[in-house]
C-alpha atoms as a PDB file:
ATOM      1  CA  UNK A   1      38.505  60.235 -33.160  1.00  0.00           C
ATOM      2  CA  UNK A   2      40.261  59.831 -36.499  1.00  0.00           C
ATOM      3  CA  UNK A   3      43.648  60.391 -34.818  1.00  0.00           C
ATOM      4  CA  UNK A   4      42.951  57.536 -32.390  1.00  0.00           C
ATOM      5  CA  UNK A   5      42.025  55.157 -35.188  1.00  0.00           C
ATOM      6  CA  UNK A   6      45.088  56.186 -37.184  1.00  0.00           C
ATOM      7  CA  UNK A   7      47.382  55.780 -34.172  1.00  0.00           C
ATOM      8  CA  UNK A   8      45.991  52.330 -33.409  1.00  0.00           C
ATOM      9  CA  UNK A   9      46.437  51.364 -37.048  1.00  0.00           C
ATOM     10  CA  UNK A  10      50.079  52.460 -36.987  1.00  0.00           C
ATOM     11  CA  UNK A  11      50.673  50.509 -33.760  1.00  0.00           C
ATOM     12  CA  UNK A  12      49.144  47.381 -35.289  1.00  0.00           C
ATOM     13  CA  UNK A  13      51.218  47.820 -38.438  1.00  0.00           C
ATOM     14  CA  UNK A  14      54.436  48.164 -36.437  1.00  0.00           C
ATOM     15  CA  UNK A  15      53.521  45.117 -34.366  1.00  0.00           C
ATOM     16  CA  UNK A  16      52.739  43.111 -37.527  1.00  0.00           C
ATOM     17  CA  UNK A  17      55.997  43.998 -39.306  1.00  0.00           C
ATOM     18  CA  UNK A  18      57.920  42.021 -36.701  1.00  0.00           C
ATOM     19  CA  UNK A  19      55.840  38.972 -37.574  1.00  0.00           C
ATOM     20  CA  UNK A  20      56.623  39.190 -41.303  1.00  0.00           C
ATOM     21  CA  UNK A  21      60.404  39.257 -40.973  1.00  0.00           C
ATOM     22  CA  UNK A  22      62.498  36.190 -40.128  1.00  0.00           C
ATOM     23  CA  UNK A  23      62.732  35.442 -36.452  1.00  0.00           C
ATOM     24  CA  UNK A  24      64.736  33.218 -34.181  1.00  0.00           C
ATOM     25  CA  UNK A  25      63.305  30.409 -32.091  1.00  0.00           C
ATOM     26  CA  UNK A  26      64.752  28.225 -29.375  1.00  0.00           C
ATOM     27  CA  UNK A  27      65.260  24.657 -30.571  1.00  0.00           C
ATOM     28  CA  UNK A  28      65.603  21.801 -28.094  1.00  0.00           C
ATOM     29  CA  UNK A  29      64.202  18.317 -27.718  1.00  0.00           C
ATOM     30  CA  UNK A  30      65.536  17.621 -24.213  1.00  0.00           C
ATOM     31  CA  UNK A  31      66.470  19.796 -21.259  1.00  0.00           C
ATOM     32  CA  UNK A  32      64.020  22.549 -22.142  1.00  0.00           C
ATOM     33  CA  UNK A  33      61.302  21.995 -19.549  1.00  0.00           C
ATOM     34  CA  UNK A  34      59.870  24.857 -17.464  1.00  0.00           C
ATOM     35  CA  UNK A  35      61.253  26.761 -15.685  1.00  0.00           C
ATOM     36  CA  UNK A  36      63.208  27.353 -18.894  1.00  0.00           C
ATOM     37  CA  UNK A  37      66.848  28.408 -19.018  1.00  0.00           C
ATOM     38  CA  UNK A  38      68.215  29.460 -22.414  1.00  0.00           C
ATOM     39  CA  UNK A  39      71.798  28.657 -21.406  1.00  0.00           C
ATOM     40  CA  UNK A  40      73.269  26.290 -23.985  1.00  0.00           C
ATOM     41  CA  UNK A  41      70.032  26.000 -25.968  1.00  0.00           C
ATOM     42  CA  UNK A  42      70.309  26.274 -29.769  1.00  0.00           C
ATOM     43  CA  UNK A  43      68.634  29.105 -31.663  1.00  0.00           C
ATOM     44  CA  UNK A  44      67.351  28.605 -35.209  1.00  0.00           C
ATOM     45  CA  UNK A  45      66.168  31.064 -37.873  1.00  0.00           C
ATOM     46  CA  UNK A  46      62.497  30.612 -38.649  1.00  0.00           C
ATOM     47  CA  UNK A  47      60.201  31.925 -41.390  1.00  0.00           C
ATOM     48  CA  UNK A  48      56.955  30.876 -39.695  1.00  0.00           C
ATOM     49  CA  UNK A  49      56.183  30.493 -35.992  1.00  0.00           C
ATOM     50  CA  UNK A  50      58.117  29.398 -32.973  1.00  0.00           C
ATOM     51  CA  UNK A  51      56.506  26.459 -31.231  1.00  0.00           C
ATOM     52  CA  UNK A  52      56.463  25.006 -27.726  1.00  0.00           C
ATOM     53  CA  UNK A  53      54.855  21.638 -27.054  1.00  0.00           C
ATOM     54  CA  UNK A  54      54.303  20.528 -23.492  1.00  0.00           C
ATOM     55  CA  UNK A  55      52.935  17.237 -22.173  1.00  0.00           C
ATOM     56  CA  UNK A  56      53.272  15.647 -18.737  1.00  0.00           C
ATOM     57  CA  UNK A  57      55.805  18.302 -17.627  1.00  0.00           C
ATOM     58  CA  UNK A  58      58.092  17.727 -20.618  1.00  0.00           C
ATOM     59  CA  UNK A  59      58.579  20.515 -23.160  1.00  0.00           C
ATOM     60  CA  UNK A  60      59.925  20.617 -26.717  1.00  0.00           C
ATOM     61  CA  UNK A  61      60.744  23.926 -28.437  1.00  0.00           C
ATOM     62  CA  UNK A  62      61.309  24.420 -32.160  1.00  0.00           C
ATOM     63  CA  UNK A  63      60.338  26.263 -35.362  1.00  0.00           C
ATOM     64  CA  UNK A  64      57.248  25.559 -37.455  1.00  0.00           C
ATOM     65  CA  UNK A  65      58.174  27.133 -40.819  1.00  0.00           C
ATOM     66  CA  UNK A  66      54.892  26.905 -42.719  1.00  0.00           C
ATOM     67  CA  UNK A  67      52.623  28.531 -40.149  1.00  0.00           C
ATOM     68  CA  UNK A  68      52.362  32.088 -38.779  1.00  0.00           C
ATOM     69  CA  UNK A  69      50.054  32.369 -35.797  1.00  0.00           C
ATOM     70  CA  UNK A  70      49.930  33.288 -32.123  1.00  0.00           C
ATOM     71  CA  UNK A  71      47.772  30.839 -30.234  1.00  0.00           C
ATOM     72  CA  UNK A  72      47.683  27.680 -28.181  1.00  0.00           C
ATOM     73  CA  UNK A  73      45.714  24.486 -28.658  1.00  0.00           C
ATOM     74  CA  UNK A  74      45.494  20.998 -27.228  1.00  0.00           C
ATOM     75  CA  UNK A  75      46.539  18.198 -29.579  1.00  0.00           C
ATOM     76  CA  UNK A  76      46.479  14.567 -28.407  1.00  0.00           C
ATOM     77  CA  UNK A  77      46.734  15.631 -24.769  1.00  0.00           C
ATOM     78  CA  UNK A  78      49.661  17.982 -25.383  1.00  0.00           C
ATOM     79  CA  UNK A  79      49.501  21.774 -25.036  1.00  0.00           C
ATOM     80  CA  UNK A  80      50.955  23.280 -28.244  1.00  0.00           C
ATOM     81  CA  UNK A  81      51.646  27.024 -28.441  1.00  0.00           C
ATOM     82  CA  UNK A  82      52.700  28.990 -31.518  1.00  0.00           C
ATOM     83  CA  UNK A  83      54.136  32.519 -31.475  1.00  0.00           C
ATOM     84  CA  UNK A  84      55.757  34.928 -33.917  1.00  0.00           C
ATOM     85  CA  UNK A  85      57.975  37.033 -31.651  1.00  0.00           C
ATOM     86  CA  UNK A  86      61.746  36.868 -31.369  1.00  0.00           C
ATOM     87  CA  UNK A  87      62.685  33.846 -29.174  1.00  0.00           C
ATOM     88  CA  UNK A  88      59.094  33.803 -27.918  1.00  0.00           C
ATOM     89  CA  UNK A  89      59.003  30.042 -27.345  1.00  0.00           C
ATOM     90  CA  UNK A  90      61.257  30.528 -24.323  1.00  0.00           C
ATOM     91  CA  UNK A  91      58.370  32.040 -22.381  1.00  0.00           C
ATOM     92  CA  UNK A  92      55.447  30.441 -20.680  1.00  0.00           C
ATOM     93  CA  UNK A  93      51.974  30.758 -22.227  1.00  0.00           C
ATOM     94  CA  UNK A  94      50.955  33.208 -19.491  1.00  0.00           C
ATOM     95  CA  UNK A  95      53.917  35.487 -20.244  1.00  0.00           C
ATOM     96  CA  UNK A  96      53.080  35.637 -23.945  1.00  0.00           C
ATOM     97  CA  UNK A  97      49.536  36.748 -23.193  1.00  0.00           C
ATOM     98  CA  UNK A  98      50.684  39.438 -20.772  1.00  0.00           C
ATOM     99  CA  UNK A  99      53.171  40.853 -23.286  1.00  0.00           C
ATOM    100  CA  UNK A 100      50.452  41.102 -25.946  1.00  0.00           C
ATOM    101  CA  UNK A 101      48.134  42.862 -23.521  1.00  0.00           C
ATOM    102  CA  UNK A 102      50.893  45.252 -22.413  1.00  0.00           C
ATOM    103  CA  UNK A 103      51.755  46.207 -26.009  1.00  0.00           C
ATOM    104  CA  UNK A 104      48.083  46.883 -26.746  1.00  0.00           C
ATOM    105  CA  UNK A 105      47.662  49.045 -23.632  1.00  0.00           C
ATOM    106  CA  UNK A 106      50.794  51.064 -24.419  1.00  0.00           C
ATOM    107  CA  UNK A 107      49.577  51.721 -27.986  1.00  0.00           C
ATOM    108  CA  UNK A 108      46.150  52.855 -26.772  1.00  0.00           C
ATOM    109  CA  UNK A 109      47.629  55.131 -24.093  1.00  0.00           C
ATOM    110  CA  UNK A 110      50.024  56.666 -26.623  1.00  0.00           C
ATOM    111  CA  UNK A 111      47.229  57.330 -29.087  1.00  0.00           C
ATOM    112  CA  UNK A 112      44.959  58.859 -26.412  1.00  0.00           C
ATOM    113  CA  UNK A 113      47.835  61.009 -25.126  1.00  0.00           C
ATOM    114  CA  UNK A 114      48.463  62.314 -28.668  1.00  0.00           C
ATOM    115  CA  UNK A 115      44.758  63.028 -29.144  1.00  0.00           C
ATOM    116  CA  UNK A 116      44.329  64.879 -25.828  1.00  0.00           C
ATOM    117  CA  UNK A 117      47.523  66.939 -26.032  1.00  0.00           C
END
C-alpha cells in the first residue's frame, strides 16, 4: 500500500513540476476560433496560466501571468478556461479534461503494476 501512495505522490510531483516552470501559450485576438489551427498564430512565454475565452463562437487565446490554475468558469456570458500545460490553450475544454484523466490513469496503472510485480 505504501508503494502505491509513494508512486502516486511521485506522479503528482512530476505533473506539478511542469506547472511551475515557464510555459508557452498561443496568443491571438482574431482568427483563433474553433476548430483551432496553430498555423501562423503567435506563441508567448508565460509565467502563469494560458487562457482561452470563448463567447458567441468567437475565441481569444492569451497568457494570464498572475494566475496558475486549471479550470473553466463563466464570466459575463463568456466561457473562460485557464490551463498550465505547454500550448494548452490550443485545445478545446473537452480535450484538456481527457488529457488530465489519461495522465491520472497512466500513473495509477504504473503504480499498481510496480506494486504487483
